[in-house]
Structure formats: structure tokens, C-alpha cells
Amino acid sequence: MTVSDPARVIAVARSWLGTPYHDQASLRGVGCDCLGLARGVWRDVVGPEPFPIPPYSRDWGEIGPREALAEGARAMMPEIAAVNAPPGALVLFRMRPRAIAKHVGILTSPDTFLHAYERLGVIEEPLTSTWRRRIAFAFLFPAP
């Protein structure tokens, strides 16, 4: 599978900067959560979303052993080793040790990433050691 140009992925992701946080939304400039950001970047880079995302509760990742985000991404995107994730990669974070991955970001450089964070909206920030060690999975956006 060929992959999208990482520079395009990053440029599109950065076009979402400043979008307010809004649970389950995916509208640039209006509101999104972390998954909504990834969905919006997908639509701009790859094309229409391949399937609808069912409603989810705020605590969906706190229960059950299933890696729902990783399984969904794996069905549509090439998976790569998290340690080798380059700029432009979609990364999934575990917010607590041994919890399932439930937060999404897009790497914008070897040391920065972009994500939608509650109360802050879409921001780009340093990929600190704390964030880096939380990366559980990484995927590349496919070419359109």
C-alpha cells in the first residue's frame, strides 16, 4: 500500500490548529476531539471516511481489553513500529500504563505532535519523554 506525503499530512493537520475541543465532533474551526481531528485529516488527505464511527462515551477506553482504536486504524492504514514513527504518522497513546490506547495524535516532527486536548482544543506541542513513552501504536495515512 502506498502512503500519503507526510508533508501534506502535517500541513493539513496544522490547518486544524486552534479548533476548539468538542467531544465526538470533527469540523475544522468549529470543534473536534482527538479522533475527530484524525478523521478530518483523513478526509482531507485520503478521501471519504470508509465507515461511520459509532457514538462513544467519554470513558469508553476505561473498560474492556479490546484495542478498538488500533483495530480500526489497522483495518485502514499501514501499521509501523511505534518506535520508528516518522513525522506525518498517526500515533495512539496509552494514557495510563496497562490501559488501552485511547488518545490520538499526529507527529509533526521528530520532537513535536499535534492533537486535540480537552479545554485546549487542537494544539501542537513538544513530544516530551512522558508523551513519547505513552505511544502504543503508529500508522501511516494511505495514499488516496
C-alpha atoms as a PDB file:
ATOM      1  CA  MET A   1       0.000   0.000   0.000  1.00  0.00           C
ATOM      2  CA  THR A   2       1.383   3.413  -0.900  1.00  0.00           C
ATOM      3  CA  VAL A   3       1.255   6.146   1.708  1.00  0.00           C
ATOM      4  CA  SER A   4       0.384   9.825   1.624  1.00  0.00           C
ATOM      5  CA  ASP A   5       3.059  12.501   1.507  1.00  0.00           C
ATOM      6  CA  PRO A   6       3.920  13.249   5.155  1.00  0.00           C
ATOM      7  CA  ALA A   7       4.373  16.967   4.385  1.00  0.00           C
ATOM      8  CA  ARG A   8       0.771  17.084   3.150  1.00  0.00           C
ATOM      9  CA  VAL A   9      -0.491  15.198   6.231  1.00  0.00           C
ATOM     10  CA  ILE A  10       1.326  17.656   8.505  1.00  0.00           C
ATOM     11  CA  ALA A  11       0.111  20.732   6.579  1.00  0.00           C
ATOM     12  CA  VAL A  12      -3.488  19.511   6.731  1.00  0.00           C
ATOM     13  CA  ALA A  13      -3.179  18.634  10.425  1.00  0.00           C
ATOM     14  CA  ARG A  14      -1.768  22.103  11.169  1.00  0.00           C
ATOM     15  CA  SER A  15      -4.750  23.671   9.398  1.00  0.00           C
ATOM     16  CA  TRP A  16      -6.787  22.373  12.359  1.00  0.00           C
ATOM     17  CA  LEU A  17      -4.730  24.329  14.932  1.00  0.00           C
ATOM     18  CA  GLY A  18      -6.981  26.395  17.179  1.00  0.00           C
ATOM     19  CA  THR A  19     -10.080  24.286  16.540  1.00  0.00           C
ATOM     20  CA  PRO A  20     -11.924  24.123  19.876  1.00  0.00           C
ATOM     21  CA  TYR A  21     -12.291  20.805  21.681  1.00  0.00           C
ATOM     22  CA  HIS A  22     -15.712  19.262  21.257  1.00  0.00           C
ATOM     23  CA  ASP A  23     -16.407  15.643  22.179  1.00  0.00           C
ATOM     24  CA  GLN A  24     -17.192  13.434  19.134  1.00  0.00           C
ATOM     25  CA  ALA A  25     -17.073  16.346  16.654  1.00  0.00           C
ATOM     26  CA  SER A  26     -14.921  16.572  13.513  1.00  0.00           C
ATOM     27  CA  LEU A  27     -15.307  20.034  11.968  1.00  0.00           C
ATOM     28  CA  ARG A  28     -12.210  22.148  11.366  1.00  0.00           C
ATOM     29  CA  GLY A  29     -12.502  25.533  13.054  1.00  0.00           C
ATOM     30  CA  VAL A  30     -15.732  24.506  14.793  1.00  0.00           C
ATOM     31  CA  GLY A  31     -14.831  21.601  17.087  1.00  0.00           C
ATOM     32  CA  CYS A  32     -13.255  18.170  17.361  1.00  0.00           C
ATOM     33  CA  ASP A  33     -11.857  15.656  19.778  1.00  0.00           C
ATOM     34  CA  CYS A  34      -8.656  13.717  19.113  1.00  0.00           C
ATOM     35  CA  LEU A  35     -10.389  11.097  16.967  1.00  0.00           C
ATOM     36  CA  GLY A  36     -12.319  13.819  15.156  1.00  0.00           C
ATOM     37  CA  LEU A  37      -9.020  15.507  14.288  1.00  0.00           C
ATOM     38  CA  ALA A  38      -7.687  12.258  12.792  1.00  0.00           C
ATOM     39  CA  ARG A  39     -10.956  11.762  10.881  1.00  0.00           C
ATOM     40  CA  GLY A  40     -10.783  15.292   9.475  1.00  0.00           C
ATOM     41  CA  VAL A  41      -7.187  14.869   8.372  1.00  0.00           C
ATOM     42  CA  TRP A  42      -8.172  11.554   6.757  1.00  0.00           C
ATOM     43  CA  ARG A  43     -10.977  13.239   4.787  1.00  0.00           C
ATOM     44  CA  ASP A  44      -8.657  15.986   3.508  1.00  0.00           C
ATOM     45  CA  VAL A  45      -5.702  13.705   2.720  1.00  0.00           C
ATOM     46  CA  VAL A  46      -7.206  10.343   1.770  1.00  0.00           C
ATOM     47  CA  GLY A  47     -10.880  10.937   0.951  1.00  0.00           C
ATOM     48  CA  PRO A  48     -14.260   9.985   2.399  1.00  0.00           C
ATOM     49  CA  GLU A  49     -14.257   8.076   5.663  1.00  0.00           C
ATOM     50  CA  PRO A  50     -14.572   4.337   4.924  1.00  0.00           C
ATOM     51  CA  PHE A  51     -17.152   3.712   7.660  1.00  0.00           C
ATOM     52  CA  PRO A  52     -19.136   5.722  10.196  1.00  0.00           C
ATOM     53  CA  ILE A  53     -17.753   5.996  13.712  1.00  0.00           C
ATOM     54  CA  PRO A  54     -20.349   4.833  16.232  1.00  0.00           C
ATOM     55  CA  PRO A  55     -21.075   7.102  19.208  1.00  0.00           C
ATOM     56  CA  TYR A  56     -18.703   6.532  22.111  1.00  0.00           C
ATOM     57  CA  SER A  57     -18.756   7.515  25.752  1.00  0.00           C
ATOM     58  CA  ARG A  58     -16.062   9.620  27.352  1.00  0.00           C
ATOM     59  CA  ASP A  59     -14.905   6.605  29.382  1.00  0.00           C
ATOM     60  CA  TRP A  60     -15.048   4.089  26.514  1.00  0.00           C
ATOM     61  CA  GLY A  61     -11.356   3.270  26.811  1.00  0.00           C
ATOM     62  CA  GLU A  62     -11.508   2.659  30.535  1.00  0.00           C
ATOM     63  CA  ILE A  63     -13.375  -0.594  30.209  1.00  0.00           C
ATOM     64  CA  GLY A  64     -12.690  -3.820  28.382  1.00  0.00           C
ATOM     65  CA  PRO A  65      -9.484  -5.256  26.963  1.00  0.00           C
ATOM     66  CA  ARG A  66     -10.115  -4.512  23.256  1.00  0.00           C
ATOM     67  CA  GLU A  67      -7.805  -2.086  21.454  1.00  0.00           C
ATOM     68  CA  ALA A  68     -10.685  -0.555  19.468  1.00  0.00           C
ATOM     69  CA  LEU A  69      -8.724   2.415  18.103  1.00  0.00           C
ATOM     70  CA  ALA A  70      -5.808   0.268  16.991  1.00  0.00           C
ATOM     71  CA  GLU A  71      -8.117  -2.300  15.385  1.00  0.00           C
ATOM     72  CA  GLY A  72      -9.937   0.430  13.453  1.00  0.00           C
ATOM     73  CA  ALA A  73      -6.723   2.070  12.286  1.00  0.00           C
ATOM     74  CA  ARG A  74      -5.193  -1.285  11.352  1.00  0.00           C
ATOM     75  CA  ALA A  75      -8.138  -2.005   9.042  1.00  0.00           C
ATOM     76  CA  MET A  76      -7.426   1.145   7.002  1.00  0.00           C
ATOM     77  CA  MET A  77      -3.798   2.162   7.482  1.00  0.00           C
ATOM     78  CA  PRO A  78      -0.373   0.522   7.311  1.00  0.00           C
ATOM     79  CA  GLU A  79       0.916  -0.106  10.817  1.00  0.00           C
ATOM     80  CA  ILE A  80       4.536   0.661  11.644  1.00  0.00           C
ATOM     81  CA  ALA A  81       6.638   0.147  14.758  1.00  0.00           C
ATOM     82  CA  ALA A  82       5.804   2.923  17.212  1.00  0.00           C
ATOM     83  CA  VAL A  83       9.497   3.488  17.930  1.00  0.00           C
ATOM     84  CA  ASN A  84      10.099   4.229  14.226  1.00  0.00           C
ATOM     85  CA  ALA A  85       7.128   6.540  13.709  1.00  0.00           C
ATOM     86  CA  PRO A  86       8.132   9.407  11.379  1.00  0.00           C
ATOM     87  CA  PRO A  87       6.569  12.858  11.056  1.00  0.00           C
ATOM     88  CA  GLY A  88       3.132  12.543   9.475  1.00  0.00           C
ATOM     89  CA  ALA A  89       2.350   9.321  11.349  1.00  0.00           C
ATOM     90  CA  LEU A  90      -0.828   8.841  13.352  1.00  0.00           C
ATOM     91  CA  VAL A  91       0.088   7.722  16.862  1.00  0.00           C
ATOM     92  CA  LEU A  92      -2.122   6.177  19.532  1.00  0.00           C
ATOM     93  CA  PHE A  93      -1.333   6.834  23.169  1.00  0.00           C
ATOM     94  CA  ARG A  94      -1.996   4.875  26.334  1.00  0.00           C
ATOM     95  CA  MET A  95      -2.926   7.471  28.924  1.00  0.00           C
ATOM     96  CA  ARG A  96      -2.136   5.079  31.790  1.00  0.00           C
ATOM     97  CA  PRO A  97       0.134   2.043  31.984  1.00  0.00           C
ATOM     98  CA  ARG A  98      -1.649  -1.171  31.018  1.00  0.00           C
ATOM     99  CA  ALA A  99      -4.728   0.769  29.839  1.00  0.00           C
ATOM    100  CA  ILE A 100      -5.859   0.533  26.239  1.00  0.00           C
ATOM    101  CA  ALA A 101      -4.788   3.215  23.769  1.00  0.00           C
ATOM    102  CA  LYS A 102      -7.453   5.910  23.707  1.00  0.00           C
ATOM    103  CA  HIS A 103      -5.783   9.157  22.624  1.00  0.00           C
ATOM    104  CA  VAL A 104      -4.724  10.089  19.080  1.00  0.00           C
ATOM    105  CA  GLY A 105      -2.096  12.478  17.755  1.00  0.00           C
ATOM    106  CA  ILE A 106      -0.185  13.211  14.561  1.00  0.00           C
ATOM    107  CA  LEU A 107       3.599  13.600  14.632  1.00  0.00           C
ATOM    108  CA  THR A 108       4.684  16.894  13.060  1.00  0.00           C
ATOM    109  CA  SER A 109       8.451  16.480  13.569  1.00  0.00           C
ATOM    110  CA  PRO A 110      10.689  14.034  15.439  1.00  0.00           C
ATOM    111  CA  ASP A 111      10.014  16.065  18.594  1.00  0.00           C
ATOM    112  CA  THR A 112       6.519  17.575  18.193  1.00  0.00           C
ATOM    113  CA  PHE A 113       2.973  16.378  17.685  1.00  0.00           C
ATOM    114  CA  LEU A 114      -0.479  17.771  17.166  1.00  0.00           C
ATOM    115  CA  HIS A 115      -3.605  16.624  18.974  1.00  0.00           C
ATOM    116  CA  ALA A 116      -6.981  17.779  20.298  1.00  0.00           C
ATOM    117  CA  TYR A 117      -6.945  18.099  24.045  1.00  0.00           C
ATOM    118  CA  GLU A 118      -9.853  18.853  26.341  1.00  0.00           C
ATOM    119  CA  ARG A 119     -10.050  22.549  27.326  1.00  0.00           C
ATOM    120  CA  LEU A 120      -7.175  23.412  24.932  1.00  0.00           C
ATOM    121  CA  GLY A 121      -8.519  22.359  21.537  1.00  0.00           C
ATOM    122  CA  VAL A 122      -6.132  21.437  18.746  1.00  0.00           C
ATOM    123  CA  ILE A 123      -2.573  22.253  19.758  1.00  0.00           C
ATOM    124  CA  GLU A 124       0.951  21.395  18.659  1.00  0.00           C
ATOM    125  CA  GLU A 125       3.351  20.666  21.458  1.00  0.00           C
ATOM    126  CA  PRO A 126       6.674  19.013  22.270  1.00  0.00           C
ATOM    127  CA  LEU A 127       6.759  15.226  22.220  1.00  0.00           C
ATOM    128  CA  THR A 128       8.205  15.032  25.710  1.00  0.00           C
ATOM    129  CA  SER A 129       9.515  11.796  27.187  1.00  0.00           C
ATOM    130  CA  THR A 130       6.206  11.467  29.048  1.00  0.00           C
ATOM    131  CA  TRP A 131       4.219  11.601  25.815  1.00  0.00           C
ATOM    132  CA  ARG A 132       6.773   9.508  23.885  1.00  0.00           C
ATOM    133  CA  ARG A 133       6.607   6.598  26.321  1.00  0.00           C
ATOM    134  CA  ARG A 134       2.802   6.565  26.044  1.00  0.00           C
ATOM    135  CA  ILE A 135       2.861   5.828  22.283  1.00  0.00           C
ATOM    136  CA  ALA A 136       1.452   2.342  21.842  1.00  0.00           C
ATOM    137  CA  PHE A 137       0.751   2.157  18.094  1.00  0.00           C
ATOM    138  CA  ALA A 138       1.680   4.074  14.948  1.00  0.00           C
ATOM    139  CA  PHE A 139       0.136   4.124  11.476  1.00  0.00           C
ATOM    140  CA  LEU A 140       0.702   5.902   8.165  1.00  0.00           C
ATOM    141  CA  PHE A 141      -2.038   7.605   6.159  1.00  0.00           C
ATOM    142  CA  PRO A 142      -2.542   5.706   2.892  1.00  0.00           C
ATOM    143  CA  ALA A 143      -2.390   7.482  -0.458  1.00  0.00           C
ATOM    144  CA  PRO A 144      -5.774   8.483  -1.888  1.00  0.00           C
END
